[in-house]
Amino acid sequence: MDRRPCCHMMTEDDLGEVLFIERSVFKRPWTWEFFKLVISDIRNYVVTIRNENDLLGYGGYHLLRDNPGFLRTREHYHTIAHLISIAEAPRFQHRGYGRILMNVLMKDAMLKQAGYCYLEVRPSNTNAFSFYKRQCFSIIGIIDNYYAQEHEDAYVLGRELRPRIERC
């Protein structure tokens, strides 16, 4: 019987499995070198989710101080989380692990005083877009030709971070 999945800080030892998932789910996967930089930067919070035998997925955010110039919100936030990635292994998708990862990431960001979170997503990635909408993110902008190699724009999605998110 599998134990309940647990989240842990990502380490270099995870990178083989992380890269397997990365290459399975993204058109332009990140490299081992990039992940090594991400996990070594103290402004990043990157976690994996595992059961007894398998890496189920991973996710992370980058912490920004002060509103970036492009983020136009009614409120001024002193700390903002930029969600850099959430991915589930293909064979474990649609089982709620992405939601668990998102909750872990957003709770940690709130503990670090982040008041807002934003991310970029491909309009063609309807599964991811639907997932983020269910997590109370909404479109706050569009970046033209963000994914230049595919000539695809990006939706910029954002949401306030509150201890108790009301239904969206």
N, C-alpha and C. Protein backbone atom coordinates (compact mmCIF):
# COMPACT_ATOMS: atom_id res chain seq x y z
N MET A 1 0.84 -1.18 0.00
CA MET A 1 0.00 0.00 0.00
C MET A 1 0.89 1.24 0.00
N ASP A 2 0.62 2.20 -0.90
CA ASP A 2 1.40 3.43 -0.98
C ASP A 2 1.07 4.34 0.18
N ARG A 3 2.12 4.96 0.72
CA ARG A 3 1.89 6.00 1.72
C ARG A 3 1.34 7.23 1.02
N ARG A 4 0.86 8.15 1.81
CA ARG A 4 0.39 9.42 1.29
C ARG A 4 1.57 10.15 0.65
N PRO A 5 1.38 10.81 -0.49
CA PRO A 5 2.49 11.53 -1.13
C PRO A 5 3.00 12.65 -0.22
N CYS A 6 4.31 12.89 -0.30
CA CYS A 6 4.95 13.92 0.52
C CYS A 6 5.76 14.84 -0.36
N CYS A 7 5.81 16.12 0.02
CA CYS A 7 6.61 17.11 -0.68
C CYS A 7 7.91 17.34 0.07
N HIS A 8 8.98 17.49 -0.69
CA HIS A 8 10.31 17.73 -0.14
C HIS A 8 11.02 18.76 -1.01
N MET A 9 11.97 19.46 -0.41
CA MET A 9 12.80 20.38 -1.19
C MET A 9 13.52 19.59 -2.28
N MET A 10 13.56 20.14 -3.49
CA MET A 10 14.27 19.49 -4.59
C MET A 10 15.78 19.56 -4.33
N THR A 11 16.46 18.46 -4.62
CA THR A 11 17.92 18.42 -4.52
C THR A 11 18.49 17.95 -5.85
N GLU A 12 19.81 18.03 -5.94
CA GLU A 12 20.47 17.55 -7.16
C GLU A 12 20.19 16.08 -7.40
N ASP A 13 20.00 15.31 -6.34
CA ASP A 13 19.72 13.88 -6.48
C ASP A 13 18.40 13.62 -7.21
N ASP A 14 17.49 14.61 -7.20
CA ASP A 14 16.20 14.46 -7.87
C ASP A 14 16.26 14.75 -9.37
N LEU A 15 17.35 15.36 -9.84
CA LEU A 15 17.34 15.94 -11.18
C LEU A 15 17.16 14.93 -12.31
N GLY A 16 17.64 13.71 -12.16
CA GLY A 16 17.42 12.72 -13.22
C GLY A 16 15.94 12.48 -13.46
N GLU A 17 15.19 12.27 -12.38
CA GLU A 17 13.75 12.03 -12.49
C GLU A 17 13.01 13.31 -12.91
N VAL A 18 13.45 14.44 -12.37
CA VAL A 18 12.83 15.72 -12.73
C VAL A 18 12.99 15.97 -14.22
N LEU A 19 14.19 15.75 -14.75
CA LEU A 19 14.42 15.97 -16.18
C LEU A 19 13.61 15.02 -17.04
N PHE A 20 13.40 13.80 -16.57
CA PHE A 20 12.55 12.87 -17.32
C PHE A 20 11.14 13.45 -17.45
N ILE A 21 10.59 13.96 -16.35
CA ILE A 21 9.26 14.57 -16.39
C ILE A 21 9.29 15.82 -17.26
N GLU A 22 10.30 16.65 -17.06
CA GLU A 22 10.42 17.90 -17.83
C GLU A 22 10.39 17.64 -19.33
N ARG A 23 11.14 16.64 -19.77
CA ARG A 23 11.20 16.31 -21.20
C ARG A 23 9.90 15.68 -21.69
N SER A 24 9.17 15.06 -20.78
CA SER A 24 7.91 14.41 -21.15
C SER A 24 6.76 15.40 -21.32
N VAL A 25 6.81 16.53 -20.62
CA VAL A 25 5.63 17.40 -20.59
C VAL A 25 5.82 18.78 -21.23
N PHE A 26 7.05 19.20 -21.49
CA PHE A 26 7.26 20.55 -22.03
C PHE A 26 7.88 20.52 -23.41
N LYS A 27 7.43 21.45 -24.27
CA LYS A 27 7.98 21.57 -25.62
C LYS A 27 9.44 21.99 -25.59
N ARG A 28 9.79 22.87 -24.70
CA ARG A 28 11.17 23.37 -24.55
C ARG A 28 11.63 23.10 -23.12
N PRO A 29 12.08 21.87 -22.84
CA PRO A 29 12.44 21.52 -21.46
C PRO A 29 13.68 22.27 -20.97
N TRP A 30 13.68 22.52 -19.67
CA TRP A 30 14.85 23.10 -19.04
C TRP A 30 15.95 22.05 -18.95
N THR A 31 17.16 22.50 -18.77
CA THR A 31 18.33 21.61 -18.72
C THR A 31 18.72 21.31 -17.27
N TRP A 32 19.59 20.31 -17.12
CA TRP A 32 20.14 19.97 -15.82
C TRP A 32 20.83 21.19 -15.22
N GLU A 33 21.60 21.90 -16.03
CA GLU A 33 22.33 23.08 -15.55
C GLU A 33 21.37 24.15 -15.04
N PHE A 34 20.26 24.34 -15.77
CA PHE A 34 19.29 25.35 -15.34
C PHE A 34 18.67 24.95 -14.00
N PHE A 35 18.25 23.70 -13.87
CA PHE A 35 17.67 23.25 -12.60
C PHE A 35 18.68 23.37 -11.47
N LYS A 36 19.94 23.09 -11.74
CA LYS A 36 20.97 23.22 -10.70
C LYS A 36 21.03 24.67 -10.22
N LEU A 37 20.96 25.62 -11.14
CA LEU A 37 20.94 27.03 -10.75
C LEU A 37 19.69 27.36 -9.94
N VAL A 38 18.54 26.85 -10.38
CA VAL A 38 17.28 27.13 -9.70
C VAL A 38 17.31 26.64 -8.26
N ILE A 39 17.79 25.41 -8.04
CA ILE A 39 17.77 24.89 -6.67
C ILE A 39 18.83 25.51 -5.79
N SER A 40 19.84 26.15 -6.38
CA SER A 40 20.89 26.78 -5.57
C SER A 40 20.57 28.23 -5.21
N ASP A 41 19.55 28.82 -5.82
CA ASP A 41 19.21 30.23 -5.58
C ASP A 41 18.26 30.31 -4.38
N ILE A 42 18.67 31.02 -3.33
CA ILE A 42 17.86 31.07 -2.11
C ILE A 42 16.54 31.82 -2.30
N ARG A 43 16.37 32.54 -3.40
CA ARG A 43 15.09 33.21 -3.66
C ARG A 43 14.08 32.26 -4.31
N ASN A 44 14.52 31.06 -4.61
CA ASN A 44 13.64 30.07 -5.21
C ASN A 44 13.20 29.07 -4.16
N TYR A 45 12.01 28.57 -4.34
CA TYR A 45 11.50 27.49 -3.50
C TYR A 45 11.02 26.42 -4.47
N VAL A 46 11.72 25.29 -4.52
CA VAL A 46 11.42 24.25 -5.49
C VAL A 46 11.26 22.93 -4.75
N VAL A 47 10.14 22.25 -5.01
CA VAL A 47 9.82 21.02 -4.30
C VAL A 47 9.48 19.90 -5.26
N THR A 48 9.59 18.70 -4.75
CA THR A 48 9.12 17.51 -5.46
C THR A 48 8.01 16.89 -4.63
N ILE A 49 7.18 16.11 -5.29
CA ILE A 49 6.16 15.32 -4.59
C ILE A 49 6.41 13.86 -4.96
N ARG A 50 6.47 13.02 -3.93
CA ARG A 50 6.78 11.60 -4.11
C ARG A 50 5.81 10.73 -3.33
N ASN A 51 5.61 9.51 -3.84
CA ASN A 51 5.03 8.46 -3.01
C ASN A 51 6.19 7.55 -2.62
N GLU A 52 5.93 6.36 -2.20
CA GLU A 52 7.03 5.48 -1.76
C GLU A 52 8.04 5.20 -2.87
N ASN A 53 7.55 5.06 -4.11
CA ASN A 53 8.42 4.59 -5.19
C ASN A 53 8.72 5.59 -6.29
N ASP A 54 7.90 6.60 -6.45
CA ASP A 54 7.98 7.42 -7.65
C ASP A 54 8.01 8.92 -7.36
N LEU A 55 8.70 9.63 -8.24
CA LEU A 55 8.59 11.08 -8.27
C LEU A 55 7.32 11.39 -9.08
N LEU A 56 6.35 12.00 -8.44
CA LEU A 56 5.05 12.26 -9.07
C LEU A 56 5.05 13.59 -9.81
N GLY A 57 5.83 14.53 -9.33
CA GLY A 57 5.87 15.85 -9.96
C GLY A 57 6.77 16.79 -9.18
N TYR A 58 6.80 18.03 -9.63
CA TYR A 58 7.61 19.05 -8.99
C TYR A 58 7.05 20.42 -9.32
N GLY A 59 7.47 21.39 -8.57
CA GLY A 59 7.04 22.76 -8.83
C GLY A 59 7.91 23.73 -8.07
N GLY A 60 7.82 24.99 -8.48
CA GLY A 60 8.61 25.99 -7.78
C GLY A 60 8.22 27.41 -8.13
N TYR A 61 8.69 28.31 -7.31
CA TYR A 61 8.48 29.73 -7.57
C TYR A 61 9.75 30.50 -7.24
N HIS A 62 9.80 31.72 -7.75
CA HIS A 62 10.89 32.66 -7.49
C HIS A 62 10.29 33.83 -6.73
N LEU A 63 10.92 34.24 -5.66
CA LEU A 63 10.42 35.33 -4.84
C LEU A 63 11.00 36.66 -5.31
N LEU A 64 10.11 37.61 -5.56
CA LEU A 64 10.51 38.95 -5.99
C LEU A 64 10.18 39.95 -4.90
N ARG A 65 11.04 40.91 -4.70
CA ARG A 65 10.76 41.99 -3.76
C ARG A 65 10.19 43.16 -4.55
N ASP A 66 9.09 43.70 -4.06
CA ASP A 66 8.44 44.85 -4.67
C ASP A 66 7.75 44.46 -5.97
N ASN A 67 6.74 45.22 -6.35
CA ASN A 67 6.04 44.99 -7.60
C ASN A 67 6.99 45.15 -8.77
N PRO A 68 7.07 44.15 -9.67
CA PRO A 68 7.82 44.39 -10.90
C PRO A 68 7.08 45.45 -11.71
N GLY A 69 7.80 46.21 -12.52
CA GLY A 69 7.21 47.31 -13.26
C GLY A 69 6.03 46.93 -14.14
N PHE A 70 6.02 45.71 -14.65
CA PHE A 70 4.95 45.31 -15.57
C PHE A 70 3.68 44.86 -14.85
N LEU A 71 3.78 44.58 -13.57
CA LEU A 71 2.63 44.07 -12.83
C LEU A 71 1.78 45.23 -12.34
N ARG A 72 0.63 45.40 -12.95
CA ARG A 72 -0.27 46.50 -12.61
C ARG A 72 -1.42 45.95 -11.77
N THR A 73 -1.33 46.17 -10.48
CA THR A 73 -2.38 45.71 -9.58
C THR A 73 -2.86 46.91 -8.77
N ARG A 74 -4.05 46.78 -8.21
CA ARG A 74 -4.59 47.86 -7.37
C ARG A 74 -3.76 48.06 -6.12
N GLU A 75 -3.27 46.97 -5.59
CA GLU A 75 -2.49 47.02 -4.36
C GLU A 75 -1.01 46.99 -4.69
N HIS A 76 -0.21 47.50 -3.77
CA HIS A 76 1.24 47.39 -3.88
C HIS A 76 1.67 46.24 -2.97
N TYR A 77 2.38 45.30 -3.54
CA TYR A 77 2.85 44.14 -2.77
C TYR A 77 4.36 44.26 -2.58
N HIS A 78 4.81 44.08 -1.37
CA HIS A 78 6.24 44.16 -1.10
C HIS A 78 6.96 42.88 -1.52
N THR A 79 6.23 41.79 -1.58
CA THR A 79 6.81 40.50 -1.99
C THR A 79 5.82 39.80 -2.91
N ILE A 80 6.34 39.28 -4.01
CA ILE A 80 5.52 38.62 -5.03
C ILE A 80 6.19 37.29 -5.40
N ALA A 81 5.37 36.27 -5.62
CA ALA A 81 5.87 34.97 -6.07
C ALA A 81 5.65 34.85 -7.58
N HIS A 82 6.70 34.49 -8.29
CA HIS A 82 6.59 34.19 -9.73
C HIS A 82 6.66 32.68 -9.86
N LEU A 83 5.53 32.06 -10.16
CA LEU A 83 5.48 30.60 -10.31
C LEU A 83 6.29 30.24 -11.55
N ILE A 84 7.34 29.45 -11.37
CA ILE A 84 8.21 29.14 -12.51
C ILE A 84 7.87 27.80 -13.15
N SER A 85 7.27 26.90 -12.40
CA SER A 85 6.92 25.62 -13.01
C SER A 85 6.09 24.77 -12.05
N ILE A 86 5.19 24.01 -12.65
CA ILE A 86 4.52 22.90 -11.97
C ILE A 86 4.37 21.83 -13.04
N ALA A 87 4.80 20.63 -12.72
CA ALA A 87 4.68 19.53 -13.69
C ALA A 87 4.43 18.23 -12.96
N GLU A 88 3.61 17.40 -13.57
CA GLU A 88 3.34 16.06 -13.05
C GLU A 88 3.81 15.04 -14.08
N ALA A 89 4.33 13.93 -13.61
CA ALA A 89 4.69 12.84 -14.52
C ALA A 89 3.44 12.43 -15.29
N PRO A 90 3.55 12.21 -16.59
CA PRO A 90 2.35 11.90 -17.38
C PRO A 90 1.48 10.80 -16.81
N ARG A 91 2.08 9.76 -16.27
CA ARG A 91 1.25 8.64 -15.77
C ARG A 91 0.54 8.97 -14.45
N PHE A 92 0.90 10.11 -13.82
CA PHE A 92 0.26 10.50 -12.57
C PHE A 92 -0.59 11.76 -12.70
N GLN A 93 -0.81 12.21 -13.92
CA GLN A 93 -1.60 13.42 -14.12
C GLN A 93 -3.07 13.16 -13.81
N HIS A 94 -3.76 14.24 -13.47
CA HIS A 94 -5.21 14.22 -13.20
C HIS A 94 -5.55 13.40 -11.95
N ARG A 95 -4.65 13.38 -10.99
CA ARG A 95 -4.91 12.69 -9.73
C ARG A 95 -4.83 13.63 -8.52
N GLY A 96 -4.69 14.93 -8.78
CA GLY A 96 -4.67 15.90 -7.69
C GLY A 96 -3.29 16.28 -7.18
N TYR A 97 -2.24 15.73 -7.77
CA TYR A 97 -0.90 16.06 -7.28
C TYR A 97 -0.50 17.50 -7.62
N GLY A 98 -0.97 18.00 -8.76
CA GLY A 98 -0.70 19.40 -9.10
C GLY A 98 -1.33 20.35 -8.09
N ARG A 99 -2.53 20.03 -7.66
CA ARG A 99 -3.22 20.84 -6.65
C ARG A 99 -2.45 20.81 -5.33
N ILE A 100 -1.95 19.63 -4.96
CA ILE A 100 -1.16 19.52 -3.73
C ILE A 100 0.10 20.39 -3.85
N LEU A 101 0.80 20.27 -4.99
CA LEU A 101 2.00 21.09 -5.20
C LEU A 101 1.67 22.57 -5.12
N MET A 102 0.59 22.98 -5.79
CA MET A 102 0.21 24.39 -5.78
C MET A 102 -0.06 24.86 -4.36
N ASN A 103 -0.78 24.07 -3.58
CA ASN A 103 -1.07 24.45 -2.19
C ASN A 103 0.21 24.59 -1.37
N VAL A 104 1.15 23.67 -1.53
CA VAL A 104 2.42 23.74 -0.81
C VAL A 104 3.18 25.00 -1.20
N LEU A 105 3.24 25.27 -2.50
CA LEU A 105 3.97 26.44 -2.97
C LEU A 105 3.33 27.74 -2.50
N MET A 106 2.01 27.83 -2.60
CA MET A 106 1.34 29.08 -2.21
C MET A 106 1.40 29.31 -0.70
N LYS A 107 1.29 28.22 0.09
CA LYS A 107 1.41 28.38 1.54
C LYS A 107 2.81 28.85 1.92
N ASP A 108 3.83 28.30 1.26
CA ASP A 108 5.18 28.74 1.55
C ASP A 108 5.38 30.21 1.15
N ALA A 109 4.86 30.58 0.00
CA ALA A 109 4.98 31.97 -0.46
C ALA A 109 4.31 32.92 0.54
N MET A 110 3.15 32.54 1.05
CA MET A 110 2.48 33.39 2.05
C MET A 110 3.29 33.48 3.33
N LEU A 111 3.92 32.37 3.75
CA LEU A 111 4.77 32.40 4.94
C LEU A 111 5.94 33.38 4.75
N LYS A 112 6.35 33.55 3.50
CA LYS A 112 7.43 34.48 3.19
C LYS A 112 6.89 35.87 2.83
N GLN A 113 5.65 36.10 3.22
CA GLN A 113 4.99 37.41 3.08
C GLN A 113 4.64 37.81 1.65
N ALA A 114 4.59 36.86 0.71
CA ALA A 114 4.15 37.18 -0.64
C ALA A 114 2.65 37.45 -0.62
N GLY A 115 2.24 38.52 -1.26
CA GLY A 115 0.82 38.86 -1.31
C GLY A 115 0.19 38.58 -2.65
N TYR A 116 1.02 38.20 -3.62
CA TYR A 116 0.51 38.02 -4.99
C TYR A 116 1.38 36.97 -5.67
N CYS A 117 0.79 36.26 -6.63
CA CYS A 117 1.51 35.27 -7.43
C CYS A 117 1.12 35.45 -8.88
N TYR A 118 2.10 35.33 -9.78
CA TYR A 118 1.80 35.38 -11.21
C TYR A 118 2.62 34.31 -11.93
N LEU A 119 2.21 34.01 -13.16
CA LEU A 119 2.87 33.00 -13.98
C LEU A 119 2.55 33.26 -15.44
N GLU A 120 3.27 32.58 -16.31
CA GLU A 120 2.99 32.62 -17.74
C GLU A 120 2.56 31.22 -18.19
N VAL A 121 1.63 31.18 -19.15
CA VAL A 121 1.18 29.90 -19.68
C VAL A 121 0.84 30.07 -21.16
N ARG A 122 1.08 29.03 -21.92
CA ARG A 122 0.73 29.04 -23.35
C ARG A 122 -0.79 28.98 -23.51
N PRO A 123 -1.37 29.83 -24.35
CA PRO A 123 -2.81 29.71 -24.62
C PRO A 123 -3.18 28.33 -25.19
N SER A 124 -2.25 27.71 -25.91
CA SER A 124 -2.53 26.39 -26.48
C SER A 124 -2.51 25.27 -25.44
N ASN A 125 -1.99 25.56 -24.26
CA ASN A 125 -1.93 24.55 -23.20
C ASN A 125 -3.22 24.64 -22.38
N THR A 126 -4.28 24.12 -22.97
CA THR A 126 -5.60 24.27 -22.35
C THR A 126 -5.72 23.53 -21.02
N ASN A 127 -5.01 22.41 -20.88
CA ASN A 127 -5.05 21.70 -19.60
C ASN A 127 -4.45 22.55 -18.49
N ALA A 128 -3.29 23.14 -18.75
CA ALA A 128 -2.65 23.98 -17.73
C ALA A 128 -3.49 25.22 -17.45
N PHE A 129 -4.00 25.84 -18.50
CA PHE A 129 -4.82 27.04 -18.32
C PHE A 129 -6.05 26.73 -17.45
N SER A 130 -6.70 25.61 -17.71
CA SER A 130 -7.87 25.21 -16.91
C SER A 130 -7.47 24.93 -15.46
N PHE A 131 -6.33 24.27 -15.28
CA PHE A 131 -5.84 23.99 -13.93
C PHE A 131 -5.64 25.29 -13.17
N TYR A 132 -4.97 26.26 -13.78
CA TYR A 132 -4.70 27.53 -13.09
C TYR A 132 -5.99 28.30 -12.80
N LYS A 133 -6.94 28.24 -13.69
CA LYS A 133 -8.23 28.90 -13.42
C LYS A 133 -8.91 28.27 -12.21
N ARG A 134 -8.83 26.94 -12.10
CA ARG A 134 -9.41 26.26 -10.93
C ARG A 134 -8.68 26.65 -9.63
N GLN A 135 -7.44 27.11 -9.76
CA GLN A 135 -6.66 27.55 -8.61
C GLN A 135 -6.82 29.06 -8.37
N CYS A 136 -7.84 29.66 -8.98
CA CYS A 136 -8.21 31.07 -8.79
C CYS A 136 -7.30 32.07 -9.49
N PHE A 137 -6.54 31.64 -10.47
CA PHE A 137 -5.76 32.57 -11.28
C PHE A 137 -6.64 33.12 -12.39
N SER A 138 -6.39 34.36 -12.78
CA SER A 138 -7.11 34.96 -13.91
C SER A 138 -6.11 35.68 -14.80
N ILE A 139 -6.52 35.92 -16.02
CA ILE A 139 -5.64 36.59 -16.99
C ILE A 139 -5.46 38.04 -16.58
N ILE A 140 -4.20 38.45 -16.44
CA ILE A 140 -3.90 39.85 -16.13
C ILE A 140 -3.14 40.53 -17.26
N GLY A 141 -2.76 39.75 -18.28
CA GLY A 141 -2.06 40.33 -19.41
C GLY A 141 -1.70 39.27 -20.44
N ILE A 142 -1.16 39.74 -21.53
CA ILE A 142 -0.68 38.86 -22.61
C ILE A 142 0.69 39.37 -23.02
N ILE A 143 1.64 38.47 -23.18
CA ILE A 143 2.96 38.83 -23.68
C ILE A 143 3.04 38.31 -25.11
N ASP A 144 3.16 39.23 -26.05
CA ASP A 144 3.25 38.86 -27.46
C ASP A 144 4.53 38.07 -27.73
N ASN A 145 4.38 36.98 -28.46
CA ASN A 145 5.51 36.18 -28.94
C ASN A 145 6.46 35.74 -27.82
N TYR A 146 5.92 35.46 -26.64
CA TYR A 146 6.72 35.04 -25.49
C TYR A 146 7.47 33.74 -25.79
N TYR A 147 6.79 32.82 -26.43
CA TYR A 147 7.39 31.57 -26.85
C TYR A 147 7.80 31.74 -28.31
N ALA A 148 8.90 32.44 -28.51
CA ALA A 148 9.28 32.93 -29.84
C ALA A 148 9.51 31.80 -30.85
N GLN A 149 10.07 30.69 -30.41
CA GLN A 149 10.37 29.61 -31.36
C GLN A 149 9.10 29.03 -31.97
N GLU A 150 8.01 29.10 -31.24
CA GLU A 150 6.73 28.60 -31.77
C GLU A 150 5.82 29.75 -32.20
N HIS A 151 6.30 30.98 -32.10
CA HIS A 151 5.51 32.17 -32.42
C HIS A 151 4.19 32.16 -31.65
N GLU A 152 4.31 31.93 -30.36
CA GLU A 152 3.12 31.84 -29.52
C GLU A 152 3.20 32.86 -28.39
N ASP A 153 2.08 33.51 -28.15
CA ASP A 153 1.98 34.46 -27.05
C ASP A 153 1.91 33.70 -25.72
N ALA A 154 1.93 34.45 -24.63
CA ALA A 154 1.72 33.86 -23.30
C ALA A 154 0.63 34.64 -22.60
N TYR A 155 -0.24 33.92 -21.93
CA TYR A 155 -1.14 34.55 -20.98
C TYR A 155 -0.33 34.76 -19.70
N VAL A 156 -0.48 35.92 -19.12
CA VAL A 156 0.05 36.16 -17.78
C VAL A 156 -1.14 36.04 -16.85
N LEU A 157 -1.04 35.11 -15.92
CA LEU A 157 -2.12 34.86 -14.97
C LEU A 157 -1.65 35.31 -13.59
N GLY A 158 -2.57 35.79 -12.78
CA GLY A 158 -2.20 36.21 -11.44
C GLY A 158 -3.34 36.01 -10.46
N ARG A 159 -2.97 36.05 -9.19
CA ARG A 159 -3.95 35.97 -8.11
C ARG A 159 -3.33 36.51 -6.83
N GLU A 160 -4.19 37.07 -6.01
CA GLU A 160 -3.76 37.46 -4.67
C GLU A 160 -3.58 36.20 -3.84
N LEU A 161 -2.68 36.30 -2.88
CA LEU A 161 -2.48 35.19 -1.96
C LEU A 161 -3.07 35.60 -0.62
N ARG A 162 -3.99 34.79 -0.16
CA ARG A 162 -4.65 35.01 1.11
C ARG A 162 -4.66 33.71 1.88
N PRO A 163 -4.65 33.80 3.21
CA PRO A 163 -4.67 32.55 3.99
C PRO A 163 -5.85 31.64 3.64
N ARG A 164 -7.00 32.22 3.36
CA ARG A 164 -8.15 31.41 2.95
C ARG A 164 -8.69 31.97 1.64
N ILE A 165 -8.43 31.27 0.56
CA ILE A 165 -8.91 31.70 -0.75
C ILE A 165 -10.39 31.32 -0.86
N GLU A 166 -11.20 32.32 -1.18
CA GLU A 166 -12.61 32.02 -1.40
C GLU A 166 -12.73 31.28 -2.74
N ARG A 167 -13.87 30.67 -2.92
CA ARG A 167 -14.11 30.02 -4.21
C ARG A 167 -14.04 31.09 -5.30
N CYS A 168 -13.41 30.75 -6.42
CA CYS A 168 -13.29 31.75 -7.48
C CYS A 168 -14.41 31.61 -8.49
